Amino acid sequence: MKYLIIDKYKGRYIKPKDLCLSLLITEKLKNWLLKYENEYYEGFKNDKLIDILDKEGTEITALIKNELSKIKIEYFSNARMKII
């Protein structure tokens, strides 16, 4: 079984293009990571924005799962510190 973890690695994010995903998913993921990172640096103070980002993150997770069907993938909310 293979595991895909999109997270910080050695002080930087894994480049979405390195995952061989479609351009659409790569762009969605890249844009989402920037928004999530910005909220992280704000201290996760905006609950409504966190909910929006987590919803978007779970949607991207589903897109990745559909494209890379042989992987196990879960969405972990860093803000909420739980798997959603």
N, C-alpha and C. Protein backbone atom coordinates (compact mmCIF):
# COMPACT_ATOMS: atom_id res chain seq x y z
N MET A 1 0.84 -1.17 0.00
CA MET A 1 0.00 0.00 0.00
C MET A 1 0.89 1.24 0.00
N LYS A 2 0.51 2.25 -0.79
CA LYS A 2 1.26 3.49 -0.85
C LYS A 2 0.50 4.58 -0.10
N TYR A 3 1.21 5.48 0.53
CA TYR A 3 0.60 6.59 1.24
C TYR A 3 1.08 7.89 0.63
N LEU A 4 0.18 8.80 0.43
CA LEU A 4 0.50 10.12 -0.11
C LEU A 4 0.25 11.14 0.99
N ILE A 5 1.29 11.84 1.37
CA ILE A 5 1.17 12.87 2.39
C ILE A 5 1.60 14.19 1.77
N ILE A 6 0.66 15.12 1.69
CA ILE A 6 0.98 16.44 1.16
C ILE A 6 1.10 17.35 2.37
N ASP A 7 2.29 17.65 2.72
CA ASP A 7 2.54 18.41 3.94
C ASP A 7 3.93 19.01 3.82
N LYS A 8 4.31 19.76 4.84
CA LYS A 8 5.65 20.31 4.81
C LYS A 8 6.67 19.18 4.95
N TYR A 9 7.73 19.29 4.20
CA TYR A 9 8.78 18.29 4.22
C TYR A 9 10.10 19.02 4.10
N LYS A 10 10.97 18.85 5.06
CA LYS A 10 12.27 19.51 5.06
C LYS A 10 12.13 21.02 4.88
N GLY A 11 11.14 21.60 5.59
CA GLY A 11 10.99 23.05 5.59
C GLY A 11 10.27 23.63 4.40
N ARG A 12 9.77 22.80 3.51
CA ARG A 12 9.03 23.33 2.35
C ARG A 12 7.93 22.35 1.97
N TYR A 13 6.97 22.85 1.22
CA TYR A 13 5.90 21.97 0.76
C TYR A 13 6.35 21.13 -0.42
N ILE A 14 5.79 19.95 -0.51
CA ILE A 14 6.00 19.11 -1.69
C ILE A 14 5.35 19.84 -2.86
N LYS A 15 6.02 19.89 -3.97
CA LYS A 15 5.45 20.56 -5.14
C LYS A 15 4.35 19.69 -5.72
N PRO A 16 3.14 20.25 -5.85
CA PRO A 16 2.04 19.44 -6.40
C PRO A 16 2.35 18.84 -7.77
N LYS A 17 3.14 19.54 -8.58
CA LYS A 17 3.45 19.00 -9.91
C LYS A 17 4.25 17.71 -9.82
N ASP A 18 4.97 17.51 -8.70
CA ASP A 18 5.75 16.29 -8.52
C ASP A 18 4.87 15.06 -8.27
N LEU A 19 3.60 15.28 -8.02
CA LEU A 19 2.68 14.17 -7.76
C LEU A 19 2.06 13.61 -9.03
N CYS A 20 2.36 14.22 -10.18
CA CYS A 20 1.84 13.79 -11.48
C CYS A 20 0.31 13.86 -11.52
N LEU A 21 -0.24 14.90 -10.92
CA LEU A 21 -1.68 15.13 -10.96
C LEU A 21 -2.02 15.99 -12.17
N SER A 22 -3.29 16.04 -12.51
CA SER A 22 -3.74 16.89 -13.61
C SER A 22 -3.45 18.35 -13.27
N LEU A 23 -3.39 19.17 -14.30
CA LEU A 23 -3.14 20.59 -14.12
C LEU A 23 -4.22 21.24 -13.25
N LEU A 24 -5.47 20.85 -13.45
CA LEU A 24 -6.57 21.40 -12.67
C LEU A 24 -6.38 21.15 -11.17
N ILE A 25 -6.11 19.91 -10.82
CA ILE A 25 -5.92 19.58 -9.40
C ILE A 25 -4.66 20.23 -8.86
N THR A 26 -3.60 20.25 -9.64
CA THR A 26 -2.35 20.87 -9.21
C THR A 26 -2.56 22.34 -8.89
N GLU A 27 -3.29 23.05 -9.73
CA GLU A 27 -3.56 24.47 -9.48
C GLU A 27 -4.46 24.67 -8.27
N LYS A 28 -5.49 23.84 -8.14
CA LYS A 28 -6.38 23.93 -6.97
C LYS A 28 -5.59 23.70 -5.68
N LEU A 29 -4.74 22.68 -5.70
CA LEU A 29 -3.96 22.34 -4.53
C LEU A 29 -2.97 23.44 -4.19
N LYS A 30 -2.30 23.97 -5.19
CA LYS A 30 -1.32 25.03 -4.97
C LYS A 30 -1.98 26.27 -4.38
N ASN A 31 -3.11 26.66 -4.94
CA ASN A 31 -3.83 27.84 -4.43
C ASN A 31 -4.36 27.61 -3.02
N TRP A 32 -4.88 26.42 -2.76
CA TRP A 32 -5.39 26.08 -1.44
C TRP A 32 -4.27 26.10 -0.40
N LEU A 33 -3.12 25.53 -0.75
CA LEU A 33 -1.99 25.51 0.18
C LEU A 33 -1.56 26.92 0.57
N LEU A 34 -1.57 27.84 -0.37
CA LEU A 34 -1.22 29.23 -0.07
C LEU A 34 -2.21 29.85 0.91
N LYS A 35 -3.49 29.62 0.68
CA LYS A 35 -4.51 30.17 1.57
C LYS A 35 -4.41 29.55 2.97
N TYR A 36 -4.19 28.24 3.02
CA TYR A 36 -4.10 27.56 4.32
C TYR A 36 -2.85 28.02 5.08
N GLU A 37 -1.77 28.17 4.36
CA GLU A 37 -0.53 28.64 4.98
C GLU A 37 -0.71 30.05 5.54
N ASN A 38 -1.38 30.91 4.80
CA ASN A 38 -1.63 32.27 5.29
C ASN A 38 -2.45 32.26 6.57
N GLU A 39 -3.48 31.42 6.63
CA GLU A 39 -4.29 31.35 7.84
C GLU A 39 -3.48 30.74 8.99
N TYR A 40 -2.61 29.82 8.68
CA TYR A 40 -1.72 29.26 9.71
C TYR A 40 -0.90 30.37 10.37
N TYR A 41 -0.32 31.24 9.54
CA TYR A 41 0.52 32.32 10.07
C TYR A 41 -0.30 33.38 10.80
N GLU A 42 -1.60 33.41 10.55
CA GLU A 42 -2.50 34.31 11.30
C GLU A 42 -2.95 33.68 12.61
N GLY A 43 -2.54 32.44 12.85
CA GLY A 43 -2.86 31.76 14.10
C GLY A 43 -4.20 31.03 14.10
N PHE A 44 -4.73 30.73 12.92
CA PHE A 44 -6.01 30.04 12.80
C PHE A 44 -7.09 30.72 13.65
N LYS A 45 -7.22 32.02 13.52
CA LYS A 45 -8.17 32.80 14.32
C LYS A 45 -9.56 32.88 13.70
N ASN A 46 -9.66 32.72 12.39
CA ASN A 46 -10.92 32.91 11.67
C ASN A 46 -11.61 31.57 11.45
N ASP A 47 -12.55 31.23 12.35
CA ASP A 47 -13.23 29.93 12.28
C ASP A 47 -13.98 29.73 10.97
N LYS A 48 -14.63 30.78 10.47
CA LYS A 48 -15.37 30.64 9.21
C LYS A 48 -14.43 30.31 8.06
N LEU A 49 -13.29 30.99 8.02
CA LEU A 49 -12.32 30.73 6.96
C LEU A 49 -11.74 29.32 7.10
N ILE A 50 -11.49 28.88 8.31
CA ILE A 50 -10.98 27.52 8.53
C ILE A 50 -11.99 26.50 8.01
N ASP A 51 -13.28 26.72 8.30
CA ASP A 51 -14.31 25.81 7.79
C ASP A 51 -14.30 25.77 6.26
N ILE A 52 -14.18 26.94 5.63
CA ILE A 52 -14.14 27.02 4.17
C ILE A 52 -12.91 26.29 3.63
N LEU A 53 -11.75 26.54 4.26
CA LEU A 53 -10.51 25.90 3.80
C LEU A 53 -10.56 24.39 4.00
N ASP A 54 -11.12 23.94 5.11
CA ASP A 54 -11.23 22.50 5.34
C ASP A 54 -12.20 21.84 4.36
N LYS A 55 -13.28 22.52 4.03
CA LYS A 55 -14.21 21.99 3.03
C LYS A 55 -13.51 21.89 1.68
N GLU A 56 -12.79 22.94 1.32
CA GLU A 56 -12.05 22.92 0.05
C GLU A 56 -10.98 21.83 0.07
N GLY A 57 -10.32 21.65 1.19
CA GLY A 57 -9.30 20.62 1.32
C GLY A 57 -9.86 19.22 1.16
N THR A 58 -11.04 18.97 1.73
CA THR A 58 -11.66 17.65 1.58
C THR A 58 -12.11 17.42 0.14
N GLU A 59 -12.55 18.48 -0.54
CA GLU A 59 -12.92 18.36 -1.95
C GLU A 59 -11.70 18.04 -2.81
N ILE A 60 -10.58 18.68 -2.53
CA ILE A 60 -9.35 18.40 -3.27
C ILE A 60 -8.88 16.98 -2.98
N THR A 61 -9.02 16.55 -1.73
CA THR A 61 -8.68 15.18 -1.36
C THR A 61 -9.47 14.18 -2.21
N ALA A 62 -10.76 14.43 -2.38
CA ALA A 62 -11.60 13.54 -3.19
C ALA A 62 -11.15 13.54 -4.65
N LEU A 63 -10.79 14.71 -5.18
CA LEU A 63 -10.30 14.79 -6.56
C LEU A 63 -9.02 13.98 -6.73
N ILE A 64 -8.12 14.11 -5.76
CA ILE A 64 -6.86 13.35 -5.83
C ILE A 64 -7.14 11.85 -5.76
N LYS A 65 -8.03 11.46 -4.87
CA LYS A 65 -8.38 10.04 -4.73
C LYS A 65 -8.95 9.50 -6.03
N ASN A 66 -9.78 10.29 -6.71
CA ASN A 66 -10.34 9.85 -7.99
C ASN A 66 -9.26 9.70 -9.06
N GLU A 67 -8.27 10.58 -9.01
CA GLU A 67 -7.23 10.55 -10.03
C GLU A 67 -6.16 9.50 -9.73
N LEU A 68 -5.85 9.30 -8.47
CA LEU A 68 -4.84 8.31 -8.06
C LEU A 68 -5.54 7.23 -7.24
N SER A 69 -6.37 6.45 -7.88
CA SER A 69 -7.30 5.55 -7.20
C SER A 69 -6.64 4.47 -6.35
N LYS A 70 -5.38 4.19 -6.57
CA LYS A 70 -4.74 3.11 -5.81
C LYS A 70 -4.06 3.60 -4.54
N ILE A 71 -4.33 4.83 -4.15
CA ILE A 71 -3.72 5.36 -2.93
C ILE A 71 -4.75 5.48 -1.81
N LYS A 72 -4.27 5.46 -0.59
CA LYS A 72 -5.10 5.78 0.56
C LYS A 72 -4.82 7.24 0.88
N ILE A 73 -5.86 8.04 0.99
CA ILE A 73 -5.68 9.45 1.26
C ILE A 73 -6.71 9.90 2.29
N GLU A 74 -6.26 10.72 3.22
CA GLU A 74 -7.13 11.30 4.24
C GLU A 74 -6.84 12.78 4.31
N TYR A 75 -7.82 13.54 4.75
CA TYR A 75 -7.62 14.97 4.94
C TYR A 75 -7.47 15.23 6.43
N PHE A 76 -6.38 15.86 6.82
CA PHE A 76 -6.13 16.23 8.21
C PHE A 76 -6.16 17.74 8.32
N SER A 77 -7.05 18.23 9.17
CA SER A 77 -7.15 19.67 9.40
C SER A 77 -6.11 20.06 10.44
N ASN A 78 -5.12 20.79 10.01
CA ASN A 78 -4.09 21.26 10.93
C ASN A 78 -4.69 22.25 11.93
N ALA A 79 -5.65 23.03 11.48
CA ALA A 79 -6.31 24.00 12.37
C ALA A 79 -7.11 23.32 13.45
N ARG A 80 -7.82 22.26 13.09
CA ARG A 80 -8.69 21.54 14.05
C ARG A 80 -7.97 20.36 14.69
N MET A 81 -6.81 20.01 14.17
CA MET A 81 -6.01 18.89 14.68
C MET A 81 -6.78 17.57 14.69
N LYS A 82 -7.45 17.31 13.54
CA LYS A 82 -8.17 16.05 13.41
C LYS A 82 -8.36 15.69 11.94
N ILE A 83 -8.59 14.41 11.70
CA ILE A 83 -8.90 13.94 10.36
C ILE A 83 -10.38 14.24 10.09
N ILE A 84 -10.63 14.77 8.92
CA ILE A 84 -12.02 15.09 8.54
C ILE A 84 -12.42 14.16 7.40
